Amino acid sequence: MRYICKGEEPQELIEFKSYKNENWKPSFDNLTPDVKNALYANLLLEQNYICCYCEQELEGYNYHIEHLNP
């Protein structure tokens, strides 16, 4: 497994999480497409387009977040 030095989270994710209240909790399942796209772009840049688990090169759309069970 590769070590990834984490940077700042995307502003879109920060704003999304700020809507948390007693009736609603942010989760991956309710991410909006713009937040999800910003998150994917950020992760790809941080990881230099390499999967941190299997070290496979990520290109096109052959990836998704947490594709292996922990």
PDB file of N, CA and C in Angstrom:
ATOM      1  N   MET A   1       0.848  -1.168   0.000  1.00  0.00           N
ATOM      2  CA  MET A   1       0.000   0.000   0.000  1.00  0.00           C
ATOM      3  C   MET A   1       0.901   1.240   0.000  1.00  0.00           C
ATOM      4  N   ARG A   2       0.542   2.220  -0.808  1.00  0.00           N
ATOM      5  CA  ARG A   2       1.282   3.482  -0.878  1.00  0.00           C
ATOM      6  C   ARG A   2       0.842   4.422   0.232  1.00  0.00           C
ATOM      7  N   TYR A   3       1.813   5.189   0.729  1.00  0.00           N
ATOM      8  CA  TYR A   3       1.492   6.239   1.686  1.00  0.00           C
ATOM      9  C   TYR A   3       1.102   7.483   0.897  1.00  0.00           C
ATOM     10  N   ILE A   4       0.001   8.108   1.267  1.00  0.00           N
ATOM     11  CA  ILE A   4      -0.466   9.327   0.607  1.00  0.00           C
ATOM     12  C   ILE A   4      -0.418  10.465   1.625  1.00  0.00           C
ATOM     13  N   CYS A   5       0.293  11.521   1.284  1.00  0.00           N
ATOM     14  CA  CYS A   5       0.335  12.709   2.125  1.00  0.00           C
ATOM     15  C   CYS A   5      -0.905  13.536   1.788  1.00  0.00           C
ATOM     16  N   LYS A   6      -1.856  13.571   2.702  1.00  0.00           N
ATOM     17  CA  LYS A   6      -3.126  14.229   2.454  1.00  0.00           C
ATOM     18  C   LYS A   6      -2.977  15.743   2.471  1.00  0.00           C
ATOM     19  N   GLY A   7      -3.649  16.383   1.531  1.00  0.00           N
ATOM     20  CA  GLY A   7      -3.674  17.832   1.469  1.00  0.00           C
ATOM     21  C   GLY A   7      -5.005  18.354   1.972  1.00  0.00           C
ATOM     22  N   GLU A   8      -5.317  19.552   1.585  1.00  0.00           N
ATOM     23  CA  GLU A   8      -6.576  20.169   1.983  1.00  0.00           C
ATOM     24  C   GLU A   8      -7.747  19.504   1.250  1.00  0.00           C
ATOM     25  N   GLU A   9      -8.891  19.421   1.925  1.00  0.00           N
ATOM     26  CA  GLU A   9     -10.065  18.885   1.251  1.00  0.00           C
ATOM     27  C   GLU A   9     -10.648  19.953   0.328  1.00  0.00           C
ATOM     28  N   PRO A  10     -11.317  19.522  -0.746  1.00  0.00           N
ATOM     29  CA  PRO A  10     -11.886  20.493  -1.685  1.00  0.00           C
ATOM     30  C   PRO A  10     -12.912  21.398  -1.015  1.00  0.00           C
ATOM     31  N   GLN A  11     -12.956  22.638  -1.451  1.00  0.00           N
ATOM     32  CA  GLN A  11     -13.899  23.607  -0.896  1.00  0.00           C
ATOM     33  C   GLN A  11     -15.341  23.117  -1.035  1.00  0.00           C
ATOM     34  N   GLU A  12     -15.649  22.440  -2.125  1.00  0.00           N
ATOM     35  CA  GLU A  12     -17.007  21.918  -2.336  1.00  0.00           C
ATOM     36  C   GLU A  12     -17.395  20.943  -1.224  1.00  0.00           C
ATOM     37  N   LEU A  13     -16.443  20.133  -0.764  1.00  0.00           N
ATOM     38  CA  LEU A  13     -16.721  19.175   0.311  1.00  0.00           C
ATOM     39  C   LEU A  13     -16.886  19.894   1.651  1.00  0.00           C
ATOM     40  N   ILE A  14     -16.067  20.894   1.893  1.00  0.00           N
ATOM     41  CA  ILE A  14     -16.183  21.682   3.121  1.00  0.00           C
ATOM     42  C   ILE A  14     -17.573  22.312   3.208  1.00  0.00           C
ATOM     43  N   GLU A  15     -18.019  22.911   2.109  1.00  0.00           N
ATOM     44  CA  GLU A  15     -19.340  23.540   2.094  1.00  0.00           C
ATOM     45  C   GLU A  15     -20.453  22.516   2.274  1.00  0.00           C
ATOM     46  N   PHE A  16     -20.338  21.358   1.613  1.00  0.00           N
ATOM     47  CA  PHE A  16     -21.331  20.290   1.731  1.00  0.00           C
ATOM     48  C   PHE A  16     -21.473  19.851   3.188  1.00  0.00           C
ATOM     49  N   LYS A  17     -20.350  19.653   3.871  1.00  0.00           N
ATOM     50  CA  LYS A  17     -20.385  19.201   5.261  1.00  0.00           C
ATOM     51  C   LYS A  17     -20.927  20.270   6.204  1.00  0.00           C
ATOM     52  N   SER A  18     -20.846  21.526   5.800  1.00  0.00           N
ATOM     53  CA  SER A  18     -21.320  22.605   6.669  1.00  0.00           C
ATOM     54  C   SER A  18     -22.841  22.612   6.821  1.00  0.00           C
ATOM     55  N   TYR A  19     -23.548  21.868   5.968  1.00  0.00           N
ATOM     56  CA  TYR A  19     -25.012  21.805   6.052  1.00  0.00           C
ATOM     57  C   TYR A  19     -25.510  20.810   7.098  1.00  0.00           C
ATOM     58  N   LYS A  20     -24.586  20.136   7.780  1.00  0.00           N
ATOM     59  CA  LYS A  20     -24.968  19.160   8.804  1.00  0.00           C
ATOM     60  C   LYS A  20     -25.825  19.839   9.874  1.00  0.00           C
ATOM     61  N   ASN A  21     -26.876  19.143  10.287  1.00  0.00           N
ATOM     62  CA  ASN A  21     -27.724  19.637  11.375  1.00  0.00           C
ATOM     63  C   ASN A  21     -28.324  18.434  12.094  1.00  0.00           C
ATOM     64  N   GLU A  22     -29.208  18.677  13.020  1.00  0.00           N
ATOM     65  CA  GLU A  22     -29.775  17.562  13.799  1.00  0.00           C
ATOM     66  C   GLU A  22     -30.667  16.640  12.974  1.00  0.00           C
ATOM     67  N   ASN A  23     -31.142  17.109  11.824  1.00  0.00           N
ATOM     68  CA  ASN A  23     -32.017  16.295  10.972  1.00  0.00           C
ATOM     69  C   ASN A  23     -31.323  15.694   9.750  1.00  0.00           C
ATOM     70  N   TRP A  24     -30.085  16.108   9.525  1.00  0.00           N
ATOM     71  CA  TRP A  24     -29.387  15.631   8.319  1.00  0.00           C
ATOM     72  C   TRP A  24     -27.899  15.507   8.591  1.00  0.00           C
ATOM     73  N   LYS A  25     -27.353  14.363   8.198  1.00  0.00           N
ATOM     74  CA  LYS A  25     -25.926  14.101   8.380  1.00  0.00           C
ATOM     75  C   LYS A  25     -25.316  13.812   7.008  1.00  0.00           C
ATOM     76  N   PRO A  26     -24.243  14.523   6.619  1.00  0.00           N
ATOM     77  CA  PRO A  26     -23.633  14.273   5.313  1.00  0.00           C
ATOM     78  C   PRO A  26     -23.031  12.866   5.249  1.00  0.00           C
ATOM     79  N   SER A  27     -23.171  12.244   4.080  1.00  0.00           N
ATOM     80  CA  SER A  27     -22.573  10.933   3.860  1.00  0.00           C
ATOM     81  C   SER A  27     -22.207  10.807   2.381  1.00  0.00           C
ATOM     82  N   PHE A  28     -21.412   9.811   2.067  1.00  0.00           N
ATOM     83  CA  PHE A  28     -21.011   9.609   0.675  1.00  0.00           C
ATOM     84  C   PHE A  28     -22.229   9.368  -0.212  1.00  0.00           C
ATOM     85  N   ASP A  29     -23.215   8.680   0.319  1.00  0.00           N
ATOM     86  CA  ASP A  29     -24.407   8.351  -0.470  1.00  0.00           C
ATOM     87  C   ASP A  29     -25.209   9.577  -0.895  1.00  0.00           C
ATOM     88  N   ASN A  30     -25.117  10.670  -0.147  1.00  0.00           N
ATOM     89  CA  ASN A  30     -25.886  11.840  -0.548  1.00  0.00           C
ATOM     90  C   ASN A  30     -25.023  12.989  -1.070  1.00  0.00           C
ATOM     91  N   LEU A  31     -23.804  12.678  -1.482  1.00  0.00           N
ATOM     92  CA  LEU A  31     -22.967  13.687  -2.131  1.00  0.00           C
ATOM     93  C   LEU A  31     -23.602  14.119  -3.444  1.00  0.00           C
ATOM     94  N   THR A  32     -23.528  15.395  -3.728  1.00  0.00           N
ATOM     95  CA  THR A  32     -24.026  15.905  -5.012  1.00  0.00           C
ATOM     96  C   THR A  32     -22.964  15.653  -6.081  1.00  0.00           C
ATOM     97  N   PRO A  33     -23.357  15.610  -7.352  1.00  0.00           N
ATOM     98  CA  PRO A  33     -22.375  15.348  -8.411  1.00  0.00           C
ATOM     99  C   PRO A  33     -21.209  16.329  -8.432  1.00  0.00           C
ATOM    100  N   ASP A  34     -21.440  17.605  -8.171  1.00  0.00           N
ATOM    101  CA  ASP A  34     -20.330  18.560  -8.198  1.00  0.00           C
ATOM    102  C   ASP A  34     -19.347  18.316  -7.055  1.00  0.00           C
ATOM    103  N   VAL A  35     -19.841  17.920  -5.897  1.00  0.00           N
ATOM    104  CA  VAL A  35     -18.968  17.607  -4.768  1.00  0.00           C
ATOM    105  C   VAL A  35     -18.186  16.327  -5.064  1.00  0.00           C
ATOM    106  N   LYS A  36     -18.872  15.323  -5.587  1.00  0.00           N
ATOM    107  CA  LYS A  36     -18.211  14.056  -5.906  1.00  0.00           C
ATOM    108  C   LYS A  36     -17.120  14.258  -6.963  1.00  0.00           C
ATOM    109  N   ASN A  37     -17.399  15.061  -7.983  1.00  0.00           N
ATOM    110  CA  ASN A  37     -16.394  15.333  -9.021  1.00  0.00           C
ATOM    111  C   ASN A  37     -15.183  16.064  -8.448  1.00  0.00           C
ATOM    112  N   ALA A  38     -15.415  17.032  -7.565  1.00  0.00           N
ATOM    113  CA  ALA A  38     -14.307  17.752  -6.933  1.00  0.00           C
ATOM    114  C   ALA A  38     -13.485  16.808  -6.059  1.00  0.00           C
ATOM    115  N   LEU A  39     -14.156  15.902  -5.367  1.00  0.00           N
ATOM    116  CA  LEU A  39     -13.475  14.939  -4.517  1.00  0.00           C
ATOM    117  C   LEU A  39     -12.617  13.984  -5.346  1.00  0.00           C
ATOM    118  N   TYR A  40     -13.183  13.446  -6.419  1.00  0.00           N
ATOM    119  CA  TYR A  40     -12.415  12.575  -7.314  1.00  0.00           C
ATOM    120  C   TYR A  40     -11.185  13.293  -7.865  1.00  0.00           C
ATOM    121  N   ALA A  41     -11.359  14.522  -8.340  1.00  0.00           N
ATOM    122  CA  ALA A  41     -10.244  15.276  -8.924  1.00  0.00           C
ATOM    123  C   ALA A  41      -9.146  15.500  -7.887  1.00  0.00           C
ATOM    124  N   ASN A  42      -9.548  15.835  -6.672  1.00  0.00           N
ATOM    125  CA  ASN A  42      -8.582  16.063  -5.606  1.00  0.00           C
ATOM    126  C   ASN A  42      -7.819  14.786  -5.256  1.00  0.00           C
ATOM    127  N   LEU A  43      -8.536  13.678  -5.141  1.00  0.00           N
ATOM    128  CA  LEU A  43      -7.892  12.405  -4.818  1.00  0.00           C
ATOM    129  C   LEU A  43      -6.914  11.973  -5.902  1.00  0.00           C
ATOM    130  N   LEU A  44      -7.309  12.136  -7.153  1.00  0.00           N
ATOM    131  CA  LEU A  44      -6.421  11.762  -8.250  1.00  0.00           C
ATOM    132  C   LEU A  44      -5.123  12.555  -8.215  1.00  0.00           C
ATOM    133  N   LEU A  45      -5.219  13.842  -7.968  1.00  0.00           N
ATOM    134  CA  LEU A  45      -4.013  14.671  -7.896  1.00  0.00           C
ATOM    135  C   LEU A  45      -3.144  14.284  -6.709  1.00  0.00           C
ATOM    136  N   GLU A  46      -3.761  14.080  -5.543  1.00  0.00           N
ATOM    137  CA  GLU A  46      -2.996  13.689  -4.348  1.00  0.00           C
ATOM    138  C   GLU A  46      -2.249  12.381  -4.569  1.00  0.00           C
ATOM    139  N   GLN A  47      -2.889  11.454  -5.236  1.00  0.00           N
ATOM    140  CA  GLN A  47      -2.323  10.120  -5.404  1.00  0.00           C
ATOM    141  C   GLN A  47      -1.512   9.984  -6.686  1.00  0.00           C
ATOM    142  N   ASN A  48      -1.342  11.092  -7.406  1.00  0.00           N
ATOM    143  CA  ASN A  48      -0.581  11.074  -8.649  1.00  0.00           C
ATOM    144  C   ASN A  48      -1.127  10.038  -9.633  1.00  0.00           C
ATOM    145  N   TYR A  49      -2.456   9.911  -9.661  1.00  0.00           N
ATOM    146  CA  TYR A  49      -3.177   9.006 -10.566  1.00  0.00           C
ATOM    147  C   TYR A  49      -2.774   7.541 -10.383  1.00  0.00           C
ATOM    148  N   ILE A  50      -2.415   7.176  -9.132  1.00  0.00           N
ATOM    149  CA  ILE A  50      -2.053   5.796  -8.790  1.00  0.00           C
ATOM    150  C   ILE A  50      -2.929   5.377  -7.614  1.00  0.00           C
ATOM    151  N   CYS A  51      -3.507   4.178  -7.673  1.00  0.00           N
ATOM    152  CA  CYS A  51      -4.291   3.655  -6.558  1.00  0.00           C
ATOM    153  C   CYS A  51      -3.356   3.391  -5.377  1.00  0.00           C
ATOM    154  N   CYS A  52      -3.699   3.918  -4.202  1.00  0.00           N
ATOM    155  CA  CYS A  52      -2.834   3.733  -3.028  1.00  0.00           C
ATOM    156  C   CYS A  52      -2.897   2.303  -2.491  1.00  0.00           C
ATOM    157  N   TYR A  53      -3.904   1.522  -2.866  1.00  0.00           N
ATOM    158  CA  TYR A  53      -4.028   0.140  -2.397  1.00  0.00           C
ATOM    159  C   TYR A  53      -3.279  -0.839  -3.304  1.00  0.00           C
ATOM    160  N   CYS A  54      -3.627  -0.834  -4.586  1.00  0.00           N
ATOM    161  CA  CYS A  54      -3.048  -1.833  -5.494  1.00  0.00           C
ATOM    162  C   CYS A  54      -1.976  -1.252  -6.408  1.00  0.00           C
ATOM    163  N   GLU A  55      -1.765   0.068  -6.356  1.00  0.00           N
ATOM    164  CA  GLU A  55      -0.764   0.784  -7.129  1.00  0.00           C
ATOM    165  C   GLU A  55      -0.974   0.695  -8.641  1.00  0.00           C
ATOM    166  N   GLN A  56      -2.189   0.425  -9.034  1.00  0.00           N
ATOM    167  CA  GLN A  56      -2.542   0.418 -10.451  1.00  0.00           C
ATOM    168  C   GLN A  56      -2.716   1.864 -10.912  1.00  0.00           C
ATOM    169  N   GLU A  57      -2.287   2.158 -12.146  1.00  0.00           N
ATOM    170  CA  GLU A  57      -2.470   3.494 -12.697  1.00  0.00           C
ATOM    171  C   GLU A  57      -3.949   3.743 -12.936  1.00  0.00           C
ATOM    172  N   LEU A  58      -4.419   4.913 -12.536  1.00  0.00           N
ATOM    173  CA  LEU A  58      -5.817   5.284 -12.696  1.00  0.00           C
ATOM    174  C   LEU A  58      -5.932   6.198 -13.904  1.00  0.00           C
ATOM    175  N   GLU A  59      -6.686   5.747 -14.882  1.00  0.00           N
ATOM    176  CA  GLU A  59      -6.850   6.546 -16.088  1.00  0.00           C
ATOM    177  C   GLU A  59      -8.266   6.372 -16.615  1.00  0.00           C
ATOM    178  N   GLY A  60      -8.717   7.340 -17.383  1.00  0.00           N
ATOM    179  CA  GLY A  60     -10.079   7.265 -17.888  1.00  0.00           C
ATOM    180  C   GLY A  60     -11.045   7.202 -16.731  1.00  0.00           C
ATOM    181  N   TYR A  61     -11.902   6.198 -16.734  1.00  0.00           N
ATOM    182  CA  TYR A  61     -12.864   6.026 -15.638  1.00  0.00           C
ATOM    183  C   TYR A  61     -12.749   4.631 -15.031  1.00  0.00           C
ATOM    184  N   ASN A  62     -11.520   4.114 -14.951  1.00  0.00           N
ATOM    185  CA  ASN A  62     -11.327   2.771 -14.402  1.00  0.00           C
ATOM    186  C   ASN A  62     -11.088   2.800 -12.897  1.00  0.00           C
ATOM    187  N   TYR A  63     -11.750   3.706 -12.185  1.00  0.00           N
ATOM    188  CA  TYR A  63     -11.525   3.829 -10.755  1.00  0.00           C
ATOM    189  C   TYR A  63     -12.812   4.223 -10.035  1.00  0.00           C
ATOM    190  N   HIS A  64     -12.808   4.021  -8.736  1.00  0.00           N
ATOM    191  CA  HIS A  64     -13.849   4.531  -7.856  1.00  0.00           C
ATOM    192  C   HIS A  64     -13.268   4.597  -6.446  1.00  0.00           C
ATOM    193  N   ILE A  65     -13.853   5.380  -5.592  1.00  0.00           N
ATOM    194  CA  ILE A  65     -13.327   5.572  -4.249  1.00  0.00           C
ATOM    195  C   ILE A  65     -13.500   4.298  -3.431  1.00  0.00           C
ATOM    196  N   GLU A  66     -12.437   3.912  -2.716  1.00  0.00           N
ATOM    197  CA  GLU A  66     -12.450   2.736  -1.839  1.00  0.00           C
ATOM    198  C   GLU A  66     -12.894   1.484  -2.576  1.00  0.00           C
ATOM    199  N   HIS A  67     -12.157   1.127  -3.635  1.00  0.00           N
ATOM    200  CA  HIS A  67     -12.576  -0.014  -4.439  1.00  0.00           C
ATOM    201  C   HIS A  67     -12.206  -1.356  -3.824  1.00  0.00           C
ATOM    202  N   LEU A  68     -11.481  -1.349  -2.708  1.00  0.00           N
ATOM    203  CA  LEU A  68     -11.157  -2.583  -2.007  1.00  0.00           C
ATOM    204  C   LEU A  68     -11.759  -2.541  -0.607  1.00  0.00           C
ATOM    205  N   ASN A  69     -12.163  -3.693  -0.114  1.00  0.00           N
ATOM    206  CA  ASN A  69     -12.649  -3.760   1.264  1.00  0.00           C
ATOM    207  C   ASN A  69     -11.483  -3.603   2.224  1.00  0.00           C
ATOM    208  N   PRO A  70     -11.621  -2.793   3.272  1.00  0.00           N
ATOM    209  CA  PRO A  70     -10.510  -2.630   4.231  1.00  0.00           C
ATOM    210  C   PRO A  70     -10.245  -3.926   4.991  1.00  0.00           C
TER     211      PRO A  70
END
